[in-house]
C-alpha atoms as a PDB file:
ATOM      1  CA  MET A   1       0.021   0.132   0.041  1.00  0.00           C
ATOM      2  CA  THR A   2       1.095   3.496  -1.060  1.00  0.00           C
ATOM      3  CA  ASN A   3       1.910   6.142   1.876  1.00  0.00           C
ATOM      4  CA  THR A   4      -0.808   8.086  -0.385  1.00  0.00           C
ATOM      5  CA  ARG A   5      -2.979   4.898   0.367  1.00  0.00           C
ATOM      6  CA  ARG A   6      -2.423   5.137   3.686  1.00  0.00           C
ATOM      7  CA  ARG A   7      -3.156   8.747   4.463  1.00  0.00           C
ATOM      8  CA  ILE A   8      -6.548   8.290   2.748  1.00  0.00           C
ATOM      9  CA  VAL A   9      -7.169   5.202   5.233  1.00  0.00           C
ATOM     10  CA  PHE A  10      -5.910   7.174   8.207  1.00  0.00           C
ATOM     11  CA  PHE A  11      -8.403  10.304   7.305  1.00  0.00           C
ATOM     12  CA  ILE A  12     -11.560   7.784   7.104  1.00  0.00           C
ATOM     13  CA  LYS A  13     -10.431   6.119  10.326  1.00  0.00           C
ATOM     14  CA  VAL A  14     -10.146   9.681  12.028  1.00  0.00           C
ATOM     15  CA  ALA A  15     -13.928  10.283  10.789  1.00  0.00           C
ATOM     16  CA  GLN A  16     -14.779   7.300  12.046  1.00  0.00           C
ATOM     17  CA  LEU A  17     -13.122   7.944  15.602  1.00  0.00           C
ATOM     18  CA  VAL A  18     -14.890  11.689  15.809  1.00  0.00           C
ATOM     19  CA  ILE A  19     -17.917  10.270  14.733  1.00  0.00           C
ATOM     20  CA  TYR A  20     -17.720   7.382  17.541  1.00  0.00           C
ATOM     21  CA  ALA A  21     -16.871  10.210  19.709  1.00  0.00           C
ATOM     22  CA  TRP A  22     -19.746  12.613  19.114  1.00  0.00           C
ATOM     23  CA  ILE A  23     -22.404   9.625  19.297  1.00  0.00           C
ATOM     24  CA  ARG A  24     -21.063   9.187  22.917  1.00  0.00           C
ATOM     25  CA  GLY A  25     -21.015  12.747  23.733  1.00  0.00           C
ATOM     26  CA  ILE A  26     -17.160  13.362  23.553  1.00  0.00           C
ATOM     27  CA  LYS A  27     -16.150  16.384  22.080  1.00  0.00           C
ATOM     28  CA  LEU A  28     -12.802  16.374  20.341  1.00  0.00           C
ATOM     29  CA  LEU A  29     -10.370  19.052  19.149  1.00  0.00           C
ATOM     30  CA  PRO A  30      -7.500  18.395  17.178  1.00  0.00           C
ATOM     31  CA  PHE A  31      -4.233  20.071  18.033  1.00  0.00           C
ATOM     32  CA  SER A  32      -1.164  18.201  16.329  1.00  0.00           C
ATOM     33  CA  PHE A  33      -1.507  16.612  12.791  1.00  0.00           C
ATOM     34  CA  HIS A  34       1.312  17.402  10.319  1.00  0.00           C
ATOM     35  CA  ARG A  35       4.833  17.992  11.551  1.00  0.00           C
ATOM     36  CA  THR A  36       7.965  19.139  10.030  1.00  0.00           C
ATOM     37  CA  ALA A  37      11.396  17.541  10.579  1.00  0.00           C
ATOM     38  CA  ALA A  38      12.483  20.734  12.506  1.00  0.00           C
ATOM     39  CA  GLU A  39       8.981  20.464  14.615  1.00  0.00           C
ATOM     40  CA  GLN A  40       9.522  16.675  15.592  1.00  0.00           C
ATOM     41  CA  LYS A  41      13.382  17.414  16.409  1.00  0.00           C
ATOM     42  CA  LYS A  42      12.187  20.058  18.909  1.00  0.00           C
ATOM     43  CA  LEU A  43       9.708  17.884  20.521  1.00  0.00           C
ATOM     44  CA  TYR A  44      12.706  14.892  20.549  1.00  0.00           C
ATOM     45  CA  GLU A  45      14.858  17.524  22.348  1.00  0.00           C
ATOM     46  CA  GLU A  46      12.156  18.480  24.920  1.00  0.00           C
ATOM     47  CA  GLY A  47      11.803  14.741  25.705  1.00  0.00           C
ATOM     48  CA  LYS A  48       8.019  14.615  24.455  1.00  0.00           C
ATOM     49  CA  SER A  49       8.767  12.374  21.678  1.00  0.00           C
ATOM     50  CA  LYS A  50      11.135   9.232  20.929  1.00  0.00           C
ATOM     51  CA  CYS A  51      11.597  10.370  16.989  1.00  0.00           C
ATOM     52  CA  ASP A  52      13.799  12.651  16.249  1.00  0.00           C
ATOM     53  CA  GLY A  53      12.715  13.573  12.946  1.00  0.00           C
ATOM     54  CA  TYR A  54      15.397  12.962  10.838  1.00  0.00           C
ATOM     55  CA  THR A  55      17.088   9.168  11.677  1.00  0.00           C
ATOM     56  CA  SER A  56      13.747   8.330  13.166  1.00  0.00           C
ATOM     57  CA  ILE A  57      10.698   9.913  11.652  1.00  0.00           C
ATOM     58  CA  SER A  58       7.220  10.553  13.246  1.00  0.00           C
ATOM     59  CA  LYS A  59       3.911   9.256  12.097  1.00  0.00           C
ATOM     60  CA  HIS A  60       2.876  12.901  12.372  1.00  0.00           C
ATOM     61  CA  GLN A  61       5.709  13.757   9.537  1.00  0.00           C
ATOM     62  CA  GLU A  62       4.204  11.175   7.435  1.00  0.00           C
ATOM     63  CA  TRP A  63       0.218  12.584   7.633  1.00  0.00           C
ATOM     64  CA  ARG A  64      -0.417   9.406   9.461  1.00  0.00           C
ATOM     65  CA  ALA A  65      -1.113  10.468  13.028  1.00  0.00           C
ATOM     66  CA  MET A  66      -3.083  13.056  14.975  1.00  0.00           C
ATOM     67  CA  ASP A  67      -3.379  14.261  18.556  1.00  0.00           C
ATOM     68  CA  PHE A  68      -6.597  15.020  20.092  1.00  0.00           C
ATOM     69  CA  VAL A  69      -8.004  16.677  23.142  1.00  0.00           C
ATOM     70  CA  ILE A  70     -11.308  16.183  24.268  1.00  0.00           C
ATOM     71  CA  VAL A  71     -13.351  19.579  25.113  1.00  0.00           C
ATOM     72  CA  ASP A  72     -15.918  19.755  28.099  1.00  0.00           C
ATOM     73  CA  ASP A  73     -19.302  21.531  27.441  1.00  0.00           C
ATOM     74  CA  GLU A  74     -17.798  25.062  27.325  1.00  0.00           C
ATOM     75  CA  ASP A  75     -15.261  23.676  25.029  1.00  0.00           C
ATOM     76  CA  ASN A  76     -12.342  23.821  27.402  1.00  0.00           C
ATOM     77  CA  PRO A  77      -9.672  21.280  26.690  1.00  0.00           C
ATOM     78  CA  ILE A  78      -9.627  18.437  29.387  1.00  0.00           C
ATOM     79  CA  TRP A  79      -5.908  17.741  29.576  1.00  0.00           C
ATOM     80  CA  GLU A  80      -6.430  15.847  32.709  1.00  0.00           C
ATOM     81  CA  TYR A  81      -6.396  11.882  31.917  1.00  0.00           C
ATOM     82  CA  ILE A  82      -9.759  11.015  32.044  1.00  0.00           C
ATOM     83  CA  GLU A  83     -11.890   7.553  31.473  1.00  0.00           C
ATOM     84  CA  SER A  84     -12.994   9.072  28.003  1.00  0.00           C
ATOM     85  CA  TYR A  85      -9.463   8.856  26.483  1.00  0.00           C
ATOM     86  CA  ASN A  86      -9.522   4.985  27.391  1.00  0.00           C
ATOM     87  CA  VAL A  87     -12.977   4.612  25.486  1.00  0.00           C
ATOM     88  CA  LEU A  88     -11.423   6.312  22.256  1.00  0.00           C
ATOM     89  CA  GLY A  89      -8.085   4.709  22.389  1.00  0.00           C
ATOM     90  CA  LYS A  90      -9.735   1.488  22.856  1.00  0.00           C
ATOM     91  CA  PHE A  91     -12.048   1.869  19.871  1.00  0.00           C
ATOM     92  CA  TRP A  92      -9.417   3.218  18.041  1.00  0.00           C
ATOM     93  CA  VAL A  93      -7.069   0.061  18.579  1.00  0.00           C
ATOM     94  CA  GLU A  94      -9.801  -2.923  18.695  1.00  0.00           C
ATOM     95  CA  HIS A  95     -12.109  -1.615  15.963  1.00  0.00           C
ATOM     96  CA  LEU A  96      -9.884   0.792  13.686  1.00  0.00           C
ATOM     97  CA  ASN A  97      -6.670  -1.046  13.848  1.00  0.00           C
ATOM     98  CA  GLY A  98      -4.482   1.684  14.517  1.00  0.00           C
ATOM     99  CA  ARG A  99      -1.859   2.450  17.504  1.00  0.00           C
ATOM    100  CA  TRP A 100      -3.097   4.807  20.432  1.00  0.00           C
ATOM    101  CA  GLY A 101      -0.561   6.625  22.491  1.00  0.00           C
ATOM    102  CA  GLY A 102      -2.415   5.735  25.857  1.00  0.00           C
ATOM    103  CA  ASN A 103      -0.817   2.214  25.268  1.00  0.00           C
ATOM    104  CA  PHE A 104       2.689   3.463  24.498  1.00  0.00           C
ATOM    105  CA  ASN A 105       4.808   1.281  26.859  1.00  0.00           C
ATOM    106  CA  GLU A 106       6.245   3.763  29.505  1.00  0.00           C
ATOM    107  CA  ASP A 107       9.474   1.626  29.888  1.00  0.00           C
ATOM    108  CA  SER A 108      10.281   2.072  26.048  1.00  0.00           C
ATOM    109  CA  THR A 109       8.893   5.411  25.561  1.00  0.00           C
ATOM    110  CA  GLY A 110       8.974   7.270  29.079  1.00  0.00           C
ATOM    111  CA  PHE A 111       5.421   8.436  28.637  1.00  0.00           C
ATOM    112  CA  SER A 112       1.973   7.749  27.850  1.00  0.00           C
ATOM    113  CA  ASP A 113       0.469  10.120  25.238  1.00  0.00           C
ATOM    114  CA  PRO A 114      -3.502   9.469  25.579  1.00  0.00           C
ATOM    115  CA  TYR A 115      -4.022  12.330  22.873  1.00  0.00           C
ATOM    116  CA  HIS A 116      -2.012  10.359  19.888  1.00  0.00           C
ATOM    117  CA  PHE A 117      -3.857   8.142  17.612  1.00  0.00           C
ATOM    118  CA  GLU A 118      -1.908   6.938  14.475  1.00  0.00           C
ATOM    119  CA  TYR A 119      -2.187   4.369  11.829  1.00  0.00           C
END
C-alpha cells in the first residue's frame, strides 16, 4: 500500500473516531497533525517524543497521526487523563486497527500519550 493510500485510510479512520466520540457525547479538538522534521526534532529534544524527525521519522511527519484533546461542555480542553480517552483509545485499537498513545509502553517511550492516534 502506498503512503498516499495509507493517508486516505487514516483520514477515514479519523472520521470514524470523531463520529464514534460525538455519538457518545465526547467532543474532540485536534491540536497536532502534520509536523516538519524541525518541529519533530524540537519535541524530541524536549523529551516529548522518541522520534528525532531525521533518523527516526514520526507518523506525524508522514501525515498518519493526529493528536486530539477532549473538550468539556464549555469547549475547554481537558488535559487531565480521564476515562473518555480510554474509551476512544480502545475503539481506535480494537475496531480501527490503529495505534493509540495511551498504550505506549512507558518503559520504552518514557511517557504515555493518550492524545495520540496513529495508523
